[in-house]
Amino acid sequence: MDVLHLVVDCHTLYCVWRTLEKALASLFNSRIMQLHGSFQDLRQGDSSVSIYMQQAKSLFDELAAASRPMSLEDFNLYVFRGLRGEFKDLVTSLITKAEPMSYAGLHNHLLTHEFLQKNSLQSIDATTSLLPSSLLL
């Protein structure tokens, strides 16, 4: 970032310091707001649980690195909010826990649910393909 234009009229080191501090604070605050906005917009869509959780963890880590860590409760809430509808029942049971789940614990629960969903859909498809076509109508 070119900052010379910001301090060209400064005649003291104090003035340079304060000018840069204000300029960088504004950028910093904008970045924090951008990260929070990205969390609010985060949706699983067609992504796997692993990719979705990596995206969420990346935002979580960036906020922590910017000295604005997010609580686990808020992290979980944003993750729950962005999940596909098929996770509704799981979210209902996880949200009632007394303590917020860690990233690893939440990731494991979601992976297990995703695995079970895929297997149950495959077994339904397999069963359906075995039925006589007259029963499928």
N, C-alpha and C. Protein backbone atom coordinates (compact mmCIF):
# COMPACT_ATOMS: atom_id res chain seq x y z
N MET A 1 0.85 -1.17 0.00
CA MET A 1 0.00 0.00 0.00
C MET A 1 0.89 1.22 0.00
N ASP A 2 0.64 2.11 -0.91
CA ASP A 2 1.40 3.36 -1.01
C ASP A 2 0.81 4.35 -0.01
N VAL A 3 1.61 4.80 0.94
CA VAL A 3 1.11 5.70 1.98
C VAL A 3 1.76 7.08 1.94
N LEU A 4 2.68 7.28 1.04
CA LEU A 4 3.38 8.56 0.98
C LEU A 4 2.42 9.72 0.79
N HIS A 5 1.42 9.54 -0.04
CA HIS A 5 0.46 10.62 -0.28
C HIS A 5 -0.32 11.00 0.98
N LEU A 6 -0.40 10.09 1.92
CA LEU A 6 -1.12 10.37 3.17
C LEU A 6 -0.33 11.26 4.11
N VAL A 7 0.97 11.16 4.05
CA VAL A 7 1.81 11.86 5.04
C VAL A 7 2.64 12.98 4.44
N VAL A 8 2.40 13.32 3.20
CA VAL A 8 3.22 14.33 2.53
C VAL A 8 3.15 15.69 3.23
N ASP A 9 2.04 16.01 3.86
CA ASP A 9 1.90 17.31 4.55
C ASP A 9 2.31 17.25 6.02
N CYS A 10 2.72 16.11 6.50
CA CYS A 10 3.12 15.98 7.90
C CYS A 10 4.54 16.50 8.09
N HIS A 11 4.73 17.27 9.18
CA HIS A 11 6.04 17.85 9.46
C HIS A 11 6.72 17.23 10.67
N THR A 12 6.00 16.35 11.38
CA THR A 12 6.60 15.69 12.54
C THR A 12 6.33 14.19 12.46
N LEU A 13 7.16 13.45 13.17
CA LEU A 13 6.95 12.00 13.22
C LEU A 13 5.61 11.67 13.88
N TYR A 14 5.23 12.46 14.85
CA TYR A 14 3.95 12.25 15.53
C TYR A 14 2.80 12.37 14.52
N CYS A 15 2.86 13.39 13.69
CA CYS A 15 1.83 13.59 12.67
C CYS A 15 1.81 12.41 11.70
N VAL A 16 2.97 11.93 11.28
CA VAL A 16 3.06 10.78 10.38
C VAL A 16 2.42 9.57 11.05
N TRP A 17 2.81 9.32 12.29
CA TRP A 17 2.28 8.18 13.03
C TRP A 17 0.76 8.23 13.15
N ARG A 18 0.22 9.36 13.58
CA ARG A 18 -1.23 9.50 13.78
C ARG A 18 -1.99 9.36 12.46
N THR A 19 -1.44 9.93 11.40
CA THR A 19 -2.09 9.86 10.08
C THR A 19 -2.15 8.42 9.59
N LEU A 20 -1.04 7.71 9.71
CA LEU A 20 -1.01 6.31 9.28
C LEU A 20 -1.90 5.45 10.16
N GLU A 21 -1.86 5.72 11.45
CA GLU A 21 -2.70 4.97 12.38
C GLU A 21 -4.18 5.10 12.02
N LYS A 22 -4.62 6.30 11.72
CA LYS A 22 -6.02 6.53 11.35
C LYS A 22 -6.37 5.83 10.04
N ALA A 23 -5.47 5.93 9.07
CA ALA A 23 -5.73 5.32 7.76
C ALA A 23 -5.79 3.80 7.88
N LEU A 24 -4.87 3.22 8.63
CA LEU A 24 -4.84 1.77 8.77
C LEU A 24 -5.97 1.26 9.65
N ALA A 25 -6.37 2.05 10.64
CA ALA A 25 -7.49 1.66 11.50
C ALA A 25 -8.77 1.57 10.68
N SER A 26 -8.92 2.48 9.76
CA SER A 26 -10.10 2.47 8.91
C SER A 26 -10.12 1.21 8.04
N LEU A 27 -8.97 0.87 7.46
CA LEU A 27 -8.87 -0.36 6.66
C LEU A 27 -9.13 -1.59 7.52
N PHE A 28 -8.57 -1.57 8.73
CA PHE A 28 -8.73 -2.69 9.65
C PHE A 28 -10.20 -2.88 9.99
N ASN A 29 -10.89 -1.79 10.33
CA ASN A 29 -12.31 -1.89 10.68
C ASN A 29 -13.14 -2.35 9.49
N SER A 30 -12.78 -1.90 8.31
CA SER A 30 -13.48 -2.36 7.10
C SER A 30 -13.30 -3.86 6.92
N ARG A 31 -12.10 -4.35 7.16
CA ARG A 31 -11.82 -5.78 7.02
C ARG A 31 -12.62 -6.60 8.03
N ILE A 32 -12.70 -6.11 9.26
CA ILE A 32 -13.48 -6.81 10.29
C ILE A 32 -14.95 -6.88 9.87
N MET A 33 -15.47 -5.78 9.37
CA MET A 33 -16.87 -5.77 8.93
C MET A 33 -17.07 -6.70 7.74
N GLN A 34 -16.10 -6.74 6.85
CA GLN A 34 -16.18 -7.64 5.69
C GLN A 34 -16.20 -9.10 6.15
N LEU A 35 -15.35 -9.44 7.11
CA LEU A 35 -15.32 -10.82 7.62
C LEU A 35 -16.65 -11.20 8.28
N HIS A 36 -17.21 -10.30 9.08
CA HIS A 36 -18.50 -10.59 9.70
C HIS A 36 -19.60 -10.72 8.65
N GLY A 37 -19.55 -9.87 7.63
CA GLY A 37 -20.52 -9.98 6.54
C GLY A 37 -20.39 -11.29 5.79
N SER A 38 -19.15 -11.73 5.57
CA SER A 38 -18.92 -13.01 4.90
C SER A 38 -19.47 -14.15 5.72
N PHE A 39 -19.33 -14.06 7.04
CA PHE A 39 -19.90 -15.10 7.92
C PHE A 39 -21.42 -15.12 7.79
N GLN A 40 -22.03 -13.94 7.77
CA GLN A 40 -23.48 -13.88 7.66
C GLN A 40 -23.98 -14.43 6.33
N ASP A 41 -23.19 -14.27 5.28
CA ASP A 41 -23.59 -14.74 3.95
C ASP A 41 -23.19 -16.18 3.68
N LEU A 42 -22.44 -16.79 4.57
CA LEU A 42 -21.92 -18.14 4.34
C LEU A 42 -23.05 -19.16 4.26
N ARG A 43 -23.09 -19.90 3.14
CA ARG A 43 -24.08 -20.94 2.93
C ARG A 43 -23.39 -22.18 2.40
N GLN A 44 -23.87 -23.34 2.79
CA GLN A 44 -23.28 -24.59 2.35
C GLN A 44 -23.53 -24.82 0.86
N GLY A 45 -24.73 -24.56 0.42
CA GLY A 45 -25.06 -24.79 -0.99
C GLY A 45 -24.78 -26.23 -1.39
N ASP A 46 -24.09 -26.41 -2.50
CA ASP A 46 -23.76 -27.75 -2.99
C ASP A 46 -22.44 -28.28 -2.42
N SER A 47 -21.79 -27.52 -1.57
CA SER A 47 -20.49 -27.92 -1.01
C SER A 47 -20.65 -29.08 -0.03
N SER A 48 -19.58 -29.84 0.09
CA SER A 48 -19.55 -30.89 1.10
C SER A 48 -19.41 -30.24 2.48
N VAL A 49 -19.66 -31.02 3.50
CA VAL A 49 -19.50 -30.53 4.86
C VAL A 49 -18.06 -30.06 5.09
N SER A 50 -17.09 -30.83 4.61
CA SER A 50 -15.69 -30.48 4.83
C SER A 50 -15.32 -29.14 4.21
N ILE A 51 -15.74 -28.91 2.99
CA ILE A 51 -15.43 -27.64 2.33
C ILE A 51 -16.14 -26.49 3.03
N TYR A 52 -17.40 -26.68 3.37
CA TYR A 52 -18.16 -25.65 4.08
C TYR A 52 -17.52 -25.31 5.43
N MET A 53 -17.13 -26.33 6.17
CA MET A 53 -16.50 -26.09 7.47
C MET A 53 -15.13 -25.43 7.32
N GLN A 54 -14.39 -25.76 6.27
CA GLN A 54 -13.10 -25.10 6.03
C GLN A 54 -13.30 -23.62 5.76
N GLN A 55 -14.34 -23.28 5.01
CA GLN A 55 -14.64 -21.87 4.74
C GLN A 55 -14.98 -21.14 6.03
N ALA A 56 -15.81 -21.77 6.86
CA ALA A 56 -16.20 -21.16 8.13
C ALA A 56 -14.99 -21.01 9.05
N LYS A 57 -14.16 -22.03 9.11
CA LYS A 57 -12.97 -21.98 9.98
C LYS A 57 -11.99 -20.92 9.52
N SER A 58 -11.87 -20.75 8.23
CA SER A 58 -10.98 -19.72 7.68
C SER A 58 -11.42 -18.33 8.14
N LEU A 59 -12.72 -18.06 8.06
CA LEU A 59 -13.24 -16.77 8.53
C LEU A 59 -13.04 -16.61 10.04
N PHE A 60 -13.30 -17.67 10.77
CA PHE A 60 -13.11 -17.68 12.23
C PHE A 60 -11.66 -17.36 12.58
N ASP A 61 -10.72 -18.00 11.89
CA ASP A 61 -9.29 -17.78 12.15
C ASP A 61 -8.85 -16.38 11.76
N GLU A 62 -9.39 -15.84 10.67
CA GLU A 62 -9.03 -14.48 10.26
C GLU A 62 -9.49 -13.47 11.29
N LEU A 63 -10.67 -13.67 11.85
CA LEU A 63 -11.14 -12.76 12.90
C LEU A 63 -10.25 -12.85 14.13
N ALA A 64 -9.84 -14.04 14.49
CA ALA A 64 -8.95 -14.22 15.65
C ALA A 64 -7.60 -13.56 15.38
N ALA A 65 -7.09 -13.70 14.17
CA ALA A 65 -5.80 -13.10 13.82
C ALA A 65 -5.88 -11.57 13.83
N ALA A 66 -7.07 -11.04 13.60
CA ALA A 66 -7.27 -9.59 13.62
C ALA A 66 -7.62 -9.09 15.02
N SER A 67 -7.39 -9.92 16.03
CA SER A 67 -7.68 -9.60 17.43
C SER A 67 -9.15 -9.34 17.68
N ARG A 68 -10.00 -9.98 16.92
CA ARG A 68 -11.45 -9.91 17.11
C ARG A 68 -12.04 -11.32 17.11
N PRO A 69 -11.59 -12.16 18.05
CA PRO A 69 -12.05 -13.56 18.02
C PRO A 69 -13.56 -13.66 18.22
N MET A 70 -14.13 -14.65 17.56
CA MET A 70 -15.56 -14.92 17.66
C MET A 70 -15.75 -16.04 18.68
N SER A 71 -16.80 -15.96 19.45
CA SER A 71 -17.08 -17.02 20.43
C SER A 71 -17.51 -18.29 19.69
N LEU A 72 -17.33 -19.42 20.36
CA LEU A 72 -17.78 -20.69 19.78
C LEU A 72 -19.30 -20.70 19.56
N GLU A 73 -20.03 -20.06 20.47
CA GLU A 73 -21.48 -20.00 20.33
C GLU A 73 -21.85 -19.30 19.02
N ASP A 74 -21.20 -18.15 18.75
CA ASP A 74 -21.49 -17.42 17.52
C ASP A 74 -21.03 -18.20 16.30
N PHE A 75 -19.86 -18.82 16.39
CA PHE A 75 -19.37 -19.63 15.27
C PHE A 75 -20.36 -20.73 14.93
N ASN A 76 -20.79 -21.46 15.95
CA ASN A 76 -21.75 -22.55 15.73
C ASN A 76 -23.05 -22.03 15.13
N LEU A 77 -23.51 -20.90 15.64
CA LEU A 77 -24.76 -20.32 15.14
C LEU A 77 -24.66 -19.98 13.65
N TYR A 78 -23.55 -19.36 13.25
CA TYR A 78 -23.36 -19.04 11.83
C TYR A 78 -23.28 -20.32 10.99
N VAL A 79 -22.58 -21.32 11.49
CA VAL A 79 -22.48 -22.58 10.76
C VAL A 79 -23.86 -23.22 10.63
N PHE A 80 -24.62 -23.28 11.73
CA PHE A 80 -25.95 -23.88 11.70
C PHE A 80 -26.85 -23.16 10.69
N ARG A 81 -26.76 -21.85 10.70
CA ARG A 81 -27.60 -21.02 9.85
C ARG A 81 -27.36 -21.28 8.36
N GLY A 82 -26.14 -21.61 8.01
CA GLY A 82 -25.79 -21.79 6.61
C GLY A 82 -25.92 -23.20 6.07
N LEU A 83 -26.24 -24.14 6.95
CA LEU A 83 -26.36 -25.53 6.50
C LEU A 83 -27.60 -25.76 5.65
N ARG A 84 -27.53 -26.77 4.81
CA ARG A 84 -28.70 -27.15 4.01
C ARG A 84 -29.80 -27.69 4.92
N GLY A 85 -31.01 -27.73 4.41
CA GLY A 85 -32.17 -28.16 5.17
C GLY A 85 -32.08 -29.57 5.72
N GLU A 86 -31.33 -30.43 5.06
CA GLU A 86 -31.23 -31.83 5.51
C GLU A 86 -30.57 -31.96 6.88
N PHE A 87 -29.93 -30.88 7.37
CA PHE A 87 -29.27 -30.90 8.67
C PHE A 87 -30.15 -30.35 9.79
N LYS A 88 -31.39 -29.98 9.46
CA LYS A 88 -32.28 -29.32 10.42
C LYS A 88 -32.45 -30.11 11.72
N ASP A 89 -32.71 -31.40 11.61
CA ASP A 89 -32.92 -32.22 12.81
C ASP A 89 -31.65 -32.31 13.66
N LEU A 90 -30.51 -32.45 13.01
CA LEU A 90 -29.24 -32.50 13.74
C LEU A 90 -28.98 -31.18 14.45
N VAL A 91 -29.20 -30.08 13.75
CA VAL A 91 -28.98 -28.76 14.34
C VAL A 91 -29.87 -28.57 15.56
N THR A 92 -31.10 -29.02 15.48
CA THR A 92 -32.03 -28.92 16.61
C THR A 92 -31.46 -29.61 17.84
N SER A 93 -30.87 -30.77 17.66
CA SER A 93 -30.32 -31.49 18.82
C SER A 93 -29.00 -30.86 19.29
N LEU A 94 -28.19 -30.37 18.38
CA LEU A 94 -26.90 -29.79 18.78
C LEU A 94 -27.06 -28.43 19.46
N ILE A 95 -28.05 -27.68 19.06
CA ILE A 95 -28.21 -26.33 19.59
C ILE A 95 -28.69 -26.34 21.04
N THR A 96 -29.23 -27.47 21.50
CA THR A 96 -29.74 -27.55 22.87
C THR A 96 -28.67 -27.98 23.88
N LYS A 97 -27.46 -28.27 23.40
CA LYS A 97 -26.39 -28.69 24.32
C LYS A 97 -26.00 -27.53 25.22
N ALA A 98 -25.61 -27.86 26.45
CA ALA A 98 -25.26 -26.83 27.43
C ALA A 98 -23.99 -26.06 27.04
N GLU A 99 -23.04 -26.77 26.48
CA GLU A 99 -21.76 -26.15 26.08
C GLU A 99 -21.67 -26.10 24.56
N PRO A 100 -21.09 -25.04 24.03
CA PRO A 100 -20.93 -24.99 22.57
C PRO A 100 -19.94 -26.05 22.11
N MET A 101 -20.16 -26.58 20.94
CA MET A 101 -19.28 -27.62 20.40
C MET A 101 -18.02 -26.98 19.83
N SER A 102 -16.92 -27.70 19.96
CA SER A 102 -15.67 -27.26 19.35
C SER A 102 -15.79 -27.43 17.84
N TYR A 103 -14.87 -26.82 17.12
CA TYR A 103 -14.84 -26.97 15.67
C TYR A 103 -14.76 -28.45 15.30
N ALA A 104 -13.83 -29.17 15.91
CA ALA A 104 -13.64 -30.59 15.59
C ALA A 104 -14.89 -31.41 15.90
N GLY A 105 -15.50 -31.17 17.04
CA GLY A 105 -16.71 -31.90 17.41
C GLY A 105 -17.85 -31.63 16.46
N LEU A 106 -18.04 -30.36 16.13
CA LEU A 106 -19.11 -29.99 15.21
C LEU A 106 -18.85 -30.59 13.82
N HIS A 107 -17.62 -30.50 13.37
CA HIS A 107 -17.25 -31.06 12.06
C HIS A 107 -17.54 -32.55 12.03
N ASN A 108 -17.16 -33.27 13.07
CA ASN A 108 -17.40 -34.71 13.13
C ASN A 108 -18.89 -35.05 13.08
N HIS A 109 -19.70 -34.32 13.84
CA HIS A 109 -21.15 -34.57 13.83
C HIS A 109 -21.73 -34.34 12.43
N LEU A 110 -21.31 -33.26 11.80
CA LEU A 110 -21.83 -32.94 10.47
C LEU A 110 -21.37 -33.95 9.43
N LEU A 111 -20.11 -34.39 9.53
CA LEU A 111 -19.60 -35.41 8.60
C LEU A 111 -20.37 -36.72 8.74
N THR A 112 -20.63 -37.11 9.98
CA THR A 112 -21.37 -38.35 10.23
C THR A 112 -22.78 -38.24 9.65
N HIS A 113 -23.41 -37.11 9.87
CA HIS A 113 -24.77 -36.91 9.34
C HIS A 113 -24.75 -36.94 7.81
N GLU A 114 -23.76 -36.29 7.20
CA GLU A 114 -23.65 -36.29 5.74
C GLU A 114 -23.46 -37.71 5.22
N PHE A 115 -22.60 -38.48 5.88
CA PHE A 115 -22.36 -39.87 5.49
C PHE A 115 -23.63 -40.70 5.58
N LEU A 116 -24.35 -40.56 6.69
CA LEU A 116 -25.58 -41.32 6.88
C LEU A 116 -26.64 -40.92 5.86
N GLN A 117 -26.73 -39.65 5.56
CA GLN A 117 -27.69 -39.18 4.55
C GLN A 117 -27.39 -39.79 3.19
N LYS A 118 -26.12 -39.77 2.79
CA LYS A 118 -25.74 -40.32 1.48
C LYS A 118 -26.04 -41.81 1.42
N ASN A 119 -25.71 -42.53 2.49
CA ASN A 119 -25.95 -43.98 2.50
C ASN A 119 -27.44 -44.30 2.49
N SER A 120 -28.24 -43.53 3.22
CA SER A 120 -29.68 -43.82 3.24
C SER A 120 -30.30 -43.50 1.88
N LEU A 121 -29.84 -42.47 1.20
CA LEU A 121 -30.35 -42.16 -0.13
C LEU A 121 -29.94 -43.22 -1.14
N GLN A 122 -28.72 -43.72 -1.01
CA GLN A 122 -28.26 -44.78 -1.92
C GLN A 122 -29.06 -46.06 -1.70
N SER A 123 -29.34 -46.39 -0.43
CA SER A 123 -30.10 -47.61 -0.17
C SER A 123 -31.54 -47.46 -0.63
N ILE A 124 -32.11 -46.25 -0.54
CA ILE A 124 -33.46 -46.02 -1.05
C ILE A 124 -33.48 -46.17 -2.57
N ASP A 125 -32.47 -45.63 -3.24
CA ASP A 125 -32.37 -45.75 -4.69
C ASP A 125 -32.22 -47.21 -5.09
N ALA A 126 -31.40 -47.95 -4.36
CA ALA A 126 -31.19 -49.37 -4.67
C ALA A 126 -32.48 -50.16 -4.47
N THR A 127 -33.19 -49.88 -3.38
CA THR A 127 -34.45 -50.57 -3.10
C THR A 127 -35.47 -50.24 -4.17
N THR A 128 -35.55 -48.98 -4.54
CA THR A 128 -36.51 -48.55 -5.56
C THR A 128 -36.24 -49.22 -6.89
N SER A 129 -34.97 -49.39 -7.24
CA SER A 129 -34.65 -50.01 -8.52
C SER A 129 -34.98 -51.50 -8.53
N LEU A 130 -35.13 -52.11 -7.37
CA LEU A 130 -35.47 -53.53 -7.29
C LEU A 130 -36.97 -53.77 -7.36
N LEU A 131 -37.77 -52.75 -7.10
CA LEU A 131 -39.23 -52.89 -7.12
C LEU A 131 -39.74 -53.00 -8.55
N PRO A 132 -40.80 -53.76 -8.75
CA PRO A 132 -41.41 -53.81 -10.08
C PRO A 132 -41.93 -52.44 -10.46
N SER A 133 -41.85 -52.10 -11.71
CA SER A 133 -42.25 -50.76 -12.17
C SER A 133 -43.72 -50.46 -11.89
N SER A 134 -44.56 -51.49 -11.79
CA SER A 134 -45.98 -51.27 -11.50
C SER A 134 -46.19 -50.71 -10.09
N LEU A 135 -45.28 -50.99 -9.16
CA LEU A 135 -45.41 -50.50 -7.78
C LEU A 135 -44.89 -49.07 -7.64
N LEU A 136 -44.12 -48.59 -8.57
CA LEU A 136 -43.55 -47.25 -8.48
C LEU A 136 -44.50 -46.17 -8.92
N LEU A 137 -45.57 -46.51 -9.57
CA LEU A 137 -46.53 -45.52 -10.04
C LEU A 137 -47.43 -45.16 -8.96
